[in-house]
Amino acid sequence: MVTVVAIDIDESLAVTMTEGASKPCAYTIVYKGEEVTQYETSADPRTIGGRIGLRNVICKRVPDYEKAAIDEALSEEIPKHTERLTEALGPQ
């Protein structure tokens, strides 16, 4: 799998997006150096719905994170990777 985007939410939490096998996006969520979960989705992280879905998975699987803090981090970080996401997923 080719890594499309790697986002460090903070020093303990990171999300890596790769091209999925059955769906366009595959996410791996790592917390304190340990893989918490992997999942595939058709939701584009450049859209509000895609970010909300990713945020919800993070908040469900990782303790002690507020939705607002995750929203803010994803909203700041994902636009930094627009070019790479467009290469992988096509135009929005």
PDB file of N, CA and C in Angstrom:
ATOM      1  N   MET A   1       0.833  -1.184   0.000  1.00  0.00           N
ATOM      2  CA  MET A   1       0.000   0.000   0.000  1.00  0.00           C
ATOM      3  C   MET A   1       0.877   1.247   0.000  1.00  0.00           C
ATOM      4  N   VAL A   2       0.435   2.226  -0.719  1.00  0.00           N
ATOM      5  CA  VAL A   2       1.147   3.485  -0.812  1.00  0.00           C
ATOM      6  C   VAL A   2       0.537   4.473   0.174  1.00  0.00           C
ATOM      7  N   THR A   3       1.380   5.066   1.010  1.00  0.00           N
ATOM      8  CA  THR A   3       0.888   6.083   1.937  1.00  0.00           C
ATOM      9  C   THR A   3       0.535   7.335   1.162  1.00  0.00           C
ATOM     10  N   VAL A   4      -0.683   7.792   1.332  1.00  0.00           N
ATOM     11  CA  VAL A   4      -1.146   9.011   0.680  1.00  0.00           C
ATOM     12  C   VAL A   4      -0.857  10.201   1.580  1.00  0.00           C
ATOM     13  N   VAL A   5      -1.257  10.098   2.842  1.00  0.00           N
ATOM     14  CA  VAL A   5      -1.101  11.196   3.794  1.00  0.00           C
ATOM     15  C   VAL A   5      -0.844  10.615   5.183  1.00  0.00           C
ATOM     16  N   ALA A   6       0.063  11.252   5.913  1.00  0.00           N
ATOM     17  CA  ALA A   6       0.284  10.925   7.320  1.00  0.00           C
ATOM     18  C   ALA A   6       0.069  12.208   8.116  1.00  0.00           C
ATOM     19  N   ILE A   7      -0.800  12.137   9.106  1.00  0.00           N
ATOM     20  CA  ILE A   7      -1.141  13.310   9.911  1.00  0.00           C
ATOM     21  C   ILE A   7      -0.850  13.004  11.374  1.00  0.00           C
ATOM     22  N   ASP A   8      -0.034  13.855  11.987  1.00  0.00           N
ATOM     23  CA  ASP A   8       0.197  13.769  13.426  1.00  0.00           C
ATOM     24  C   ASP A   8      -0.775  14.724  14.101  1.00  0.00           C
ATOM     25  N   ILE A   9      -1.741  14.162  14.813  1.00  0.00           N
ATOM     26  CA  ILE A   9      -2.713  14.983  15.538  1.00  0.00           C
ATOM     27  C   ILE A   9      -2.006  15.666  16.710  1.00  0.00           C
ATOM     28  N   ASP A  10      -1.222  14.899  17.435  1.00  0.00           N
ATOM     29  CA  ASP A  10      -0.354  15.416  18.489  1.00  0.00           C
ATOM     30  C   ASP A  10       0.758  14.396  18.693  1.00  0.00           C
ATOM     31  N   GLU A  11       1.528  14.524  19.777  1.00  0.00           N
ATOM     32  CA  GLU A  11       2.663  13.617  19.982  1.00  0.00           C
ATOM     33  C   GLU A  11       2.238  12.173  20.241  1.00  0.00           C
ATOM     34  N   SER A  12       0.989  11.934  20.595  1.00  0.00           N
ATOM     35  CA  SER A  12       0.509  10.589  20.913  1.00  0.00           C
ATOM     36  C   SER A  12      -0.370   9.965  19.843  1.00  0.00           C
ATOM     37  N   LEU A  13      -0.924  10.770  18.960  1.00  0.00           N
ATOM     38  CA  LEU A  13      -1.954  10.293  18.037  1.00  0.00           C
ATOM     39  C   LEU A  13      -1.608  10.647  16.594  1.00  0.00           C
ATOM     40  N   ALA A  14      -1.670   9.636  15.727  1.00  0.00           N
ATOM     41  CA  ALA A  14      -1.387   9.850  14.309  1.00  0.00           C
ATOM     42  C   ALA A  14      -2.365   9.046  13.463  1.00  0.00           C
ATOM     43  N   VAL A  15      -2.614   9.552  12.265  1.00  0.00           N
ATOM     44  CA  VAL A  15      -3.487   8.885  11.307  1.00  0.00           C
ATOM     45  C   VAL A  15      -2.731   8.789   9.988  1.00  0.00           C
ATOM     46  N   THR A  16      -2.718   7.595   9.415  1.00  0.00           N
ATOM     47  CA  THR A  16      -2.113   7.398   8.103  1.00  0.00           C
ATOM     48  C   THR A  16      -3.203   6.962   7.144  1.00  0.00           C
ATOM     49  N   MET A  17      -3.262   7.613   5.991  1.00  0.00           N
ATOM     50  CA  MET A  17      -4.217   7.231   4.959  1.00  0.00           C
ATOM     51  C   MET A  17      -3.451   6.603   3.806  1.00  0.00           C
ATOM     52  N   THR A  18      -3.902   5.435   3.391  1.00  0.00           N
ATOM     53  CA  THR A  18      -3.345   4.759   2.229  1.00  0.00           C
ATOM     54  C   THR A  18      -4.470   4.496   1.245  1.00  0.00           C
ATOM     55  N   GLU A  19      -4.102   4.034   0.070  1.00  0.00           N
ATOM     56  CA  GLU A  19      -5.121   3.634  -0.895  1.00  0.00           C
ATOM     57  C   GLU A  19      -5.683   2.299  -0.436  1.00  0.00           C
ATOM     58  N   GLY A  20      -6.998   2.201  -0.367  1.00  0.00           N
ATOM     59  CA  GLY A  20      -7.638   0.992   0.116  1.00  0.00           C
ATOM     60  C   GLY A  20      -7.691  -0.108  -0.924  1.00  0.00           C
ATOM     61  N   ALA A  21      -7.927  -1.326  -0.467  1.00  0.00           N
ATOM     62  CA  ALA A  21      -8.052  -2.468  -1.364  1.00  0.00           C
ATOM     63  C   ALA A  21      -9.438  -2.504  -2.003  1.00  0.00           C
ATOM     64  N   SER A  22     -10.476  -2.277  -1.197  1.00  0.00           N
ATOM     65  CA  SER A  22     -11.838  -2.356  -1.719  1.00  0.00           C
ATOM     66  C   SER A  22     -12.536  -1.002  -1.784  1.00  0.00           C
ATOM     67  N   LYS A  23     -11.982  -0.008  -1.097  1.00  0.00           N
ATOM     68  CA  LYS A  23     -12.546   1.348  -1.106  1.00  0.00           C
ATOM     69  C   LYS A  23     -11.394   2.329  -1.292  1.00  0.00           C
ATOM     70  N   PRO A  24     -11.686   3.560  -1.686  1.00  0.00           N
ATOM     71  CA  PRO A  24     -10.605   4.500  -2.005  1.00  0.00           C
ATOM     72  C   PRO A  24      -9.656   4.838  -0.854  1.00  0.00           C
ATOM     73  N   CYS A  25     -10.155   4.910   0.366  1.00  0.00           N
ATOM     74  CA  CYS A  25      -9.330   5.343   1.502  1.00  0.00           C
ATOM     75  C   CYS A  25      -9.231   4.241   2.550  1.00  0.00           C
ATOM     76  N   ALA A  26      -8.021   4.007   3.025  1.00  0.00           N
ATOM     77  CA  ALA A  26      -7.802   3.098   4.146  1.00  0.00           C
ATOM     78  C   ALA A  26      -7.052   3.882   5.211  1.00  0.00           C
ATOM     79  N   TYR A  27      -7.562   3.870   6.426  1.00  0.00           N
ATOM     80  CA  TYR A  27      -6.956   4.610   7.524  1.00  0.00           C
ATOM     81  C   TYR A  27      -6.365   3.655   8.547  1.00  0.00           C
ATOM     82  N   THR A  28      -5.235   4.046   9.100  1.00  0.00           N
ATOM     83  CA  THR A  28      -4.644   3.378  10.248  1.00  0.00           C
ATOM     84  C   THR A  28      -4.485   4.443  11.324  1.00  0.00           C
ATOM     85  N   ILE A  29      -5.046   4.181  12.484  1.00  0.00           N
ATOM     86  CA  ILE A  29      -4.965   5.116  13.605  1.00  0.00           C
ATOM     87  C   ILE A  29      -3.999   4.528  14.627  1.00  0.00           C
ATOM     88  N   VAL A  30      -2.987   5.323  14.992  1.00  0.00           N
ATOM     89  CA  VAL A  30      -1.955   4.891  15.929  1.00  0.00           C
ATOM     90  C   VAL A  30      -1.989   5.814  17.145  1.00  0.00           C
ATOM     91  N   TYR A  31      -2.063   5.208  18.321  1.00  0.00           N
ATOM     92  CA  TYR A  31      -2.099   5.958  19.573  1.00  0.00           C
ATOM     93  C   TYR A  31      -0.983   5.445  20.476  1.00  0.00           C
ATOM     94  N   LYS A  32      -0.121   6.329  20.896  1.00  0.00           N
ATOM     95  CA  LYS A  32       1.022   5.993  21.753  1.00  0.00           C
ATOM     96  C   LYS A  32       1.846   4.852  21.163  1.00  0.00           C
ATOM     97  N   GLY A  33       2.058   4.918  19.856  1.00  0.00           N
ATOM     98  CA  GLY A  33       2.898   3.941  19.173  1.00  0.00           C
ATOM     99  C   GLY A  33       2.235   2.617  18.853  1.00  0.00           C
ATOM    100  N   GLU A  34       0.995   2.432  19.252  1.00  0.00           N
ATOM    101  CA  GLU A  34       0.272   1.179  19.016  1.00  0.00           C
ATOM    102  C   GLU A  34      -0.858   1.400  18.020  1.00  0.00           C
ATOM    103  N   GLU A  35      -0.987   0.485  17.079  1.00  0.00           N
ATOM    104  CA  GLU A  35      -2.099   0.570  16.135  1.00  0.00           C
ATOM    105  C   GLU A  35      -3.402   0.302  16.871  1.00  0.00           C
ATOM    106  N   VAL A  36      -4.323   1.248  16.760  1.00  0.00           N
ATOM    107  CA  VAL A  36      -5.611   1.138  17.440  1.00  0.00           C
ATOM    108  C   VAL A  36      -6.634   0.482  16.525  1.00  0.00           C
ATOM    109  N   THR A  37      -6.676   0.920  15.282  1.00  0.00           N
ATOM    110  CA  THR A  37      -7.642   0.363  14.340  1.00  0.00           C
ATOM    111  C   THR A  37      -7.228   0.677  12.912  1.00  0.00           C
ATOM    112  N   GLN A  38      -7.773  -0.111  11.997  1.00  0.00           N
ATOM    113  CA  GLN A  38      -7.664   0.134  10.566  1.00  0.00           C
ATOM    114  C   GLN A  38      -9.061   0.001   9.995  1.00  0.00           C
ATOM    115  N   TYR A  39      -9.366   0.836   9.014  1.00  0.00           N
ATOM    116  CA  TYR A  39     -10.646   0.680   8.336  1.00  0.00           C
ATOM    117  C   TYR A  39     -10.581   1.325   6.966  1.00  0.00           C
ATOM    118  N   GLU A  40     -11.472   0.888   6.091  1.00  0.00           N
ATOM    119  CA  GLU A  40     -11.581   1.443   4.748  1.00  0.00           C
ATOM    120  C   GLU A  40     -12.907   2.168   4.611  1.00  0.00           C
ATOM    121  N   THR A  41     -12.898   3.218   3.786  1.00  0.00           N
ATOM    122  CA  THR A  41     -14.103   4.010   3.583  1.00  0.00           C
ATOM    123  C   THR A  41     -14.089   4.638   2.202  1.00  0.00           C
ATOM    124  N   SER A  42     -15.256   4.975   1.731  1.00  0.00           N
ATOM    125  CA  SER A  42     -15.392   5.727   0.486  1.00  0.00           C
ATOM    126  C   SER A  42     -15.456   7.224   0.754  1.00  0.00           C
ATOM    127  N   ALA A  43     -15.561   7.607   2.015  1.00  0.00           N
ATOM    128  CA  ALA A  43     -15.702   9.019   2.376  1.00  0.00           C
ATOM    129  C   ALA A  43     -14.394   9.767   2.141  1.00  0.00           C
ATOM    130  N   ASP A  44     -14.477  10.846   1.404  1.00  0.00           N
ATOM    131  CA  ASP A  44     -13.321  11.672   1.059  1.00  0.00           C
ATOM    132  C   ASP A  44     -12.970  12.569   2.245  1.00  0.00           C
ATOM    133  N   PRO A  45     -11.733  12.514   2.753  1.00  0.00           N
ATOM    134  CA  PRO A  45     -11.376  13.325   3.921  1.00  0.00           C
ATOM    135  C   PRO A  45     -11.368  14.825   3.644  1.00  0.00           C
ATOM    136  N   ARG A  46     -11.443  15.218   2.378  1.00  0.00           N
ATOM    137  CA  ARG A  46     -11.492  16.646   2.044  1.00  0.00           C
ATOM    138  C   ARG A  46     -12.878  17.228   2.280  1.00  0.00           C
ATOM    139  N   THR A  47     -13.882  16.360   2.449  1.00  0.00           N
ATOM    140  CA  THR A  47     -15.247  16.826   2.685  1.00  0.00           C
ATOM    141  C   THR A  47     -15.548  16.827   4.182  1.00  0.00           C
ATOM    142  N   ILE A  48     -16.556  17.580   4.554  1.00  0.00           N
ATOM    143  CA  ILE A  48     -16.964  17.615   5.964  1.00  0.00           C
ATOM    144  C   ILE A  48     -17.368  16.221   6.434  1.00  0.00           C
ATOM    145  N   GLY A  49     -18.133  15.516   5.618  1.00  0.00           N
ATOM    146  CA  GLY A  49     -18.576  14.173   5.991  1.00  0.00           C
ATOM    147  C   GLY A  49     -17.418  13.211   6.196  1.00  0.00           C
ATOM    148  N   GLY A  50     -16.421  13.301   5.335  1.00  0.00           N
ATOM    149  CA  GLY A  50     -15.246  12.441   5.468  1.00  0.00           C
ATOM    150  C   GLY A  50     -14.465  12.731   6.737  1.00  0.00           C
ATOM    151  N   ARG A  51     -14.311  14.015   7.060  1.00  0.00           N
ATOM    152  CA  ARG A  51     -13.605  14.395   8.290  1.00  0.00           C
ATOM    153  C   ARG A  51     -14.394  13.985   9.530  1.00  0.00           C
ATOM    154  N   ILE A  52     -15.712  14.161   9.490  1.00  0.00           N
ATOM    155  CA  ILE A  52     -16.543  13.779  10.641  1.00  0.00           C
ATOM    156  C   ILE A  52     -16.473  12.273  10.870  1.00  0.00           C
ATOM    157  N   GLY A  53     -16.516  11.507   9.804  1.00  0.00           N
ATOM    158  CA  GLY A  53     -16.407  10.054   9.941  1.00  0.00           C
ATOM    159  C   GLY A  53     -15.086   9.642  10.569  1.00  0.00           C
ATOM    160  N   LEU A  54     -14.001  10.234  10.093  1.00  0.00           N
ATOM    161  CA  LEU A  54     -12.682   9.940  10.651  1.00  0.00           C
ATOM    162  C   LEU A  54     -12.616  10.373  12.112  1.00  0.00           C
ATOM    163  N   ARG A  55     -13.119  11.559  12.406  1.00  0.00           N
ATOM    164  CA  ARG A  55     -13.144  12.053  13.786  1.00  0.00           C
ATOM    165  C   ARG A  55     -13.910  11.100  14.697  1.00  0.00           C
ATOM    166  N   ASN A  56     -15.055  10.629  14.239  1.00  0.00           N
ATOM    167  CA  ASN A  56     -15.873   9.740  15.067  1.00  0.00           C
ATOM    168  C   ASN A  56     -15.162   8.428  15.367  1.00  0.00           C
ATOM    169  N   VAL A  57     -14.457   7.882  14.381  1.00  0.00           N
ATOM    170  CA  VAL A  57     -13.706   6.647  14.618  1.00  0.00           C
ATOM    171  C   VAL A  57     -12.591   6.905  15.627  1.00  0.00           C
ATOM    172  N   ILE A  58     -11.886   8.011  15.464  1.00  0.00           N
ATOM    173  CA  ILE A  58     -10.816   8.347  16.410  1.00  0.00           C
ATOM    174  C   ILE A  58     -11.384   8.466  17.822  1.00  0.00           C
ATOM    175  N   CYS A  59     -12.456   9.227  17.988  1.00  0.00           N
ATOM    176  CA  CYS A  59     -13.029   9.451  19.324  1.00  0.00           C
ATOM    177  C   CYS A  59     -13.607   8.175  19.929  1.00  0.00           C
ATOM    178  N   LYS A  60     -14.074   7.266  19.099  1.00  0.00           N
ATOM    179  CA  LYS A  60     -14.622   6.003  19.594  1.00  0.00           C
ATOM    180  C   LYS A  60     -13.507   5.064  20.061  1.00  0.00           C
ATOM    181  N   ARG A  61     -12.388   5.088  19.363  1.00  0.00           N
ATOM    182  CA  ARG A  61     -11.316   4.125  19.620  1.00  0.00           C
ATOM    183  C   ARG A  61     -10.203   4.614  20.539  1.00  0.00           C
ATOM    184  N   VAL A  62     -10.076   5.930  20.674  1.00  0.00           N
ATOM    185  CA  VAL A  62      -8.960   6.494  21.437  1.00  0.00           C
ATOM    186  C   VAL A  62      -9.522   7.270  22.627  1.00  0.00           C
ATOM    187  N   PRO A  63      -9.056   6.965  23.839  1.00  0.00           N
ATOM    188  CA  PRO A  63      -9.586   7.646  25.026  1.00  0.00           C
ATOM    189  C   PRO A  63      -9.088   9.084  25.148  1.00  0.00           C
ATOM    190  N   ASP A  64      -9.856   9.879  25.847  1.00  0.00           N
ATOM    191  CA  ASP A  64      -9.436  11.215  26.284  1.00  0.00           C
ATOM    192  C   ASP A  64      -9.237  12.241  25.178  1.00  0.00           C
ATOM    193  N   TYR A  65      -9.936  12.112  24.077  1.00  0.00           N
ATOM    194  CA  TYR A  65      -9.875  13.135  23.036  1.00  0.00           C
ATOM    195  C   TYR A  65     -11.262  13.710  22.829  1.00  0.00           C
ATOM    196  N   GLU A  66     -11.342  15.016  22.803  1.00  0.00           N
ATOM    197  CA  GLU A  66     -12.599  15.715  22.560  1.00  0.00           C
ATOM    198  C   GLU A  66     -12.819  15.844  21.054  1.00  0.00           C
ATOM    199  N   LYS A  67     -14.069  15.729  20.641  1.00  0.00           N
ATOM    200  CA  LYS A  67     -14.393  15.855  19.221  1.00  0.00           C
ATOM    201  C   LYS A  67     -13.931  17.189  18.649  1.00  0.00           C
ATOM    202  N   ALA A  68     -14.094  18.263  19.406  1.00  0.00           N
ATOM    203  CA  ALA A  68     -13.715  19.592  18.910  1.00  0.00           C
ATOM    204  C   ALA A  68     -12.221  19.677  18.618  1.00  0.00           C
ATOM    205  N   ALA A  69     -11.404  19.080  19.468  1.00  0.00           N
ATOM    206  CA  ALA A  69      -9.949  19.112  19.262  1.00  0.00           C
ATOM    207  C   ALA A  69      -9.554  18.310  18.027  1.00  0.00           C
ATOM    208  N   ILE A  70     -10.191  17.165  17.826  1.00  0.00           N
ATOM    209  CA  ILE A  70      -9.909  16.346  16.645  1.00  0.00           C
ATOM    210  C   ILE A  70     -10.393  17.067  15.393  1.00  0.00           C
ATOM    211  N   ASP A  71     -11.593  17.660  15.445  1.00  0.00           N
ATOM    212  CA  ASP A  71     -12.110  18.449  14.312  1.00  0.00           C
ATOM    213  C   ASP A  71     -11.119  19.531  13.908  1.00  0.00           C
ATOM    214  N   GLU A  72     -10.644  20.266  14.899  1.00  0.00           N
ATOM    215  CA  GLU A  72      -9.719  21.369  14.632  1.00  0.00           C
ATOM    216  C   GLU A  72      -8.433  20.857  13.983  1.00  0.00           C
ATOM    217  N   ALA A  73      -7.875  19.788  14.532  1.00  0.00           N
ATOM    218  CA  ALA A  73      -6.630  19.244  13.989  1.00  0.00           C
ATOM    219  C   ALA A  73      -6.812  18.746  12.558  1.00  0.00           C
ATOM    220  N   LEU A  74      -7.891  18.014  12.302  1.00  0.00           N
ATOM    221  CA  LEU A  74      -8.135  17.507  10.946  1.00  0.00           C
ATOM    222  C   LEU A  74      -8.412  18.650   9.976  1.00  0.00           C
ATOM    223  N   SER A  75      -9.163  19.645  10.418  1.00  0.00           N
ATOM    224  CA  SER A  75      -9.475  20.794   9.558  1.00  0.00           C
ATOM    225  C   SER A  75      -8.229  21.599   9.209  1.00  0.00           C
ATOM    226  N   GLU A  76      -7.245  21.601  10.085  1.00  0.00           N
ATOM    227  CA  GLU A  76      -5.987  22.301   9.814  1.00  0.00           C
ATOM    228  C   GLU A  76      -5.044  21.458   8.958  1.00  0.00           C
ATOM    229  N   GLU A  77      -4.974  20.164   9.226  1.00  0.00           N
ATOM    230  CA  GLU A  77      -3.978  19.309   8.583  1.00  0.00           C
ATOM    231  C   GLU A  77      -4.376  18.812   7.194  1.00  0.00           C
ATOM    232  N   ILE A  78      -5.621  18.431   7.003  1.00  0.00           N
ATOM    233  CA  ILE A  78      -6.032  17.862   5.713  1.00  0.00           C
ATOM    234  C   ILE A  78      -5.823  18.836   4.558  1.00  0.00           C
ATOM    235  N   PRO A  79      -6.160  20.122   4.691  1.00  0.00           N
ATOM    236  CA  PRO A  79      -5.910  21.047   3.576  1.00  0.00           C
ATOM    237  C   PRO A  79      -4.434  21.171   3.187  1.00  0.00           C
ATOM    238  N   LYS A  80      -3.540  20.883   4.102  1.00  0.00           N
ATOM    239  CA  LYS A  80      -2.109  20.925   3.790  1.00  0.00           C
ATOM    240  C   LYS A  80      -1.718  19.837   2.790  1.00  0.00           C
ATOM    241  N   HIS A  81      -2.574  18.829   2.639  1.00  0.00           N
ATOM    242  CA  HIS A  81      -2.275  17.677   1.791  1.00  0.00           C
ATOM    243  C   HIS A  81      -3.213  17.580   0.586  1.00  0.00           C
ATOM    244  N   THR A  82      -3.820  18.692   0.216  1.00  0.00           N
ATOM    245  CA  THR A  82      -4.814  18.691  -0.863  1.00  0.00           C
ATOM    246  C   THR A  82      -4.250  18.141  -2.165  1.00  0.00           C
ATOM    247  N   GLU A  83      -3.054  18.552  -2.523  1.00  0.00           N
ATOM    248  CA  GLU A  83      -2.468  18.100  -3.789  1.00  0.00           C
ATOM    249  C   GLU A  83      -2.296  16.583  -3.806  1.00  0.00           C
ATOM    250  N   ARG A  84      -1.761  16.038  -2.749  1.00  0.00           N
ATOM    251  CA  ARG A  84      -1.548  14.584  -2.669  1.00  0.00           C
ATOM    252  C   ARG A  84      -2.881  13.836  -2.641  1.00  0.00           C
ATOM    253  N   LEU A  85      -3.855  14.363  -1.930  1.00  0.00           N
ATOM    254  CA  LEU A  85      -5.175  13.729  -1.889  1.00  0.00           C
ATOM    255  C   LEU A  85      -5.840  13.761  -3.257  1.00  0.00           C
ATOM    256  N   THR A  86      -5.683  14.852  -3.988  1.00  0.00           N
ATOM    257  CA  THR A  86      -6.262  14.953  -5.329  1.00  0.00           C
ATOM    258  C   THR A  86      -5.600  13.952  -6.267  1.00  0.00           C
ATOM    259  N   GLU A  87      -4.291  13.756  -6.137  1.00  0.00           N
ATOM    260  CA  GLU A  87      -3.598  12.750  -6.947  1.00  0.00           C
ATOM    261  C   GLU A  87      -4.152  11.357  -6.675  1.00  0.00           C
ATOM    262  N   ALA A  88      -4.420  11.059  -5.408  1.00  0.00           N
ATOM    263  CA  ALA A  88      -4.882   9.725  -5.026  1.00  0.00           C
ATOM    264  C   ALA A  88      -6.368   9.511  -5.274  1.00  0.00           C
ATOM    265  N   LEU A  89      -7.184  10.538  -5.000  1.00  0.00           N
ATOM    266  CA  LEU A  89      -8.638  10.372  -5.032  1.00  0.00           C
ATOM    267  C   LEU A  89      -9.313  11.045  -6.218  1.00  0.00           C
ATOM    268  N   GLY A  90      -8.592  11.885  -6.928  1.00  0.00           N
ATOM    269  CA  GLY A  90      -9.192  12.647  -8.015  1.00  0.00           C
ATOM    270  C   GLY A  90      -9.732  13.958  -7.497  1.00  0.00           C
ATOM    271  N   PRO A  91     -10.253  14.773  -8.421  1.00  0.00           N
ATOM    272  CA  PRO A  91     -10.789  16.067  -7.995  1.00  0.00           C
ATOM    273  C   PRO A  91     -11.980  15.896  -7.061  1.00  0.00           C
ATOM    274  N   GLN A  92     -12.150  16.873  -6.218  1.00  0.00           N
ATOM    275  CA  GLN A  92     -13.230  16.822  -5.229  1.00  0.00           C
ATOM    276  C   GLN A  92     -14.547  17.140  -5.864  1.00  0.00           C
TER     277      GLN A  92
END
